[in-house]
Protein backbone atom coordinates (compact mmCIF):
# COMPACT_ATOMS: atom_id res chain seq x y z
CA UNK A 1 0.04 -0.01 -0.08
CA UNK A 2 1.35 3.41 -1.03
CA UNK A 3 1.18 6.42 1.38
CA UNK A 4 -1.55 8.65 -0.07
CA UNK A 5 -0.89 12.43 -0.21
CA UNK A 6 -4.39 13.66 -0.68
CA UNK A 7 -8.11 12.86 0.50
CA UNK A 8 -11.49 14.04 -0.60
CA UNK A 9 -14.57 13.37 1.48
CA UNK A 10 -18.04 13.40 -0.28
CA UNK A 11 -20.78 13.50 2.27
CA UNK A 12 -24.34 12.52 1.38
CA UNK A 13 -27.53 12.12 3.50
CA UNK A 14 -27.15 8.28 3.28
CA UNK A 15 -23.34 7.77 3.16
CA UNK A 16 -19.96 9.28 3.06
CA UNK A 17 -17.28 8.39 0.52
CA UNK A 18 -13.64 9.10 1.38
CA UNK A 19 -11.14 8.89 -1.60
CA UNK A 20 -7.44 8.61 -0.63
CA UNK A 21 -5.23 9.19 -3.68
CA UNK A 22 -1.65 9.90 -4.92
CA UNK A 23 -0.27 10.16 -8.47
CA UNK A 24 -0.36 6.41 -9.06
CA UNK A 25 -3.51 5.04 -7.24
CA UNK A 26 -6.85 5.81 -5.58
CA UNK A 27 -8.33 3.98 -2.60
CA UNK A 28 -12.26 4.45 -1.89
CA UNK A 29 -13.78 3.86 1.36
CA UNK A 30 -17.61 4.01 1.72
CA UNK A 31 -18.96 4.69 5.34
CA UNK A 32 -22.79 3.95 6.04
CA UNK A 33 -24.51 4.65 9.29
CA UNK A 34 -25.46 1.73 11.42
CA UNK A 35 -29.10 2.94 11.76
CA UNK A 36 -29.83 4.59 8.43
CA UNK A 37 -32.55 7.46 8.27
CA UNK A 38 -35.65 6.25 6.53
CA UNK A 39 -37.18 9.01 4.44
CA UNK A 40 -40.96 9.31 4.64
CA UNK A 41 -42.60 11.77 2.02
CA UNK A 42 -44.00 14.76 3.83
CA UNK A 43 -47.43 14.00 2.29
CA UNK A 44 -47.51 10.25 3.45
CA UNK A 45 -50.82 9.04 4.72
CA UNK A 46 -52.67 12.36 3.64
CA UNK A 47 -55.25 13.23 1.03
CA UNK A 48 -54.56 15.89 -1.48
CA UNK A 49 -51.59 17.88 -2.69
CA UNK A 50 -50.72 19.49 0.61
CA UNK A 51 -51.46 22.97 -0.53
CA UNK A 52 -54.13 25.06 1.01
CA UNK A 53 -57.02 25.49 -1.34
CA UNK A 54 -57.53 28.57 -3.67
CA UNK A 55 -55.83 31.44 -2.01
CA UNK A 56 -52.39 30.16 -1.69
CA UNK A 57 -51.92 29.75 -5.48
CA UNK A 58 -54.63 32.11 -6.84
CA UNK A 59 -54.65 34.95 -4.21
CA UNK A 60 -54.67 38.65 -5.12
CA UNK A 61 -50.79 38.93 -5.01
CA UNK A 62 -50.17 35.78 -7.06
CA UNK A 63 -47.87 36.20 -10.10
CA UNK A 64 -49.62 33.47 -11.93
CA UNK A 65 -51.84 34.96 -14.74
CA UNK A 66 -54.80 33.09 -16.20
CA UNK A 67 -55.11 33.27 -19.91
């Protein structure tokens, strides 16, 4: 194994990737959590789009024009 001169760390919401490298080679390490976060959509188990009806999208200050 060669001594690596540089490292780059890429962090995501699911994992971290660590790249150790020098001029000749690259070593990659992937780190994942022991208890991963489970993403639940914010509208899960609800009816509708999640927007308030009418005024929120078509109020008097709306920039959406109807043709």
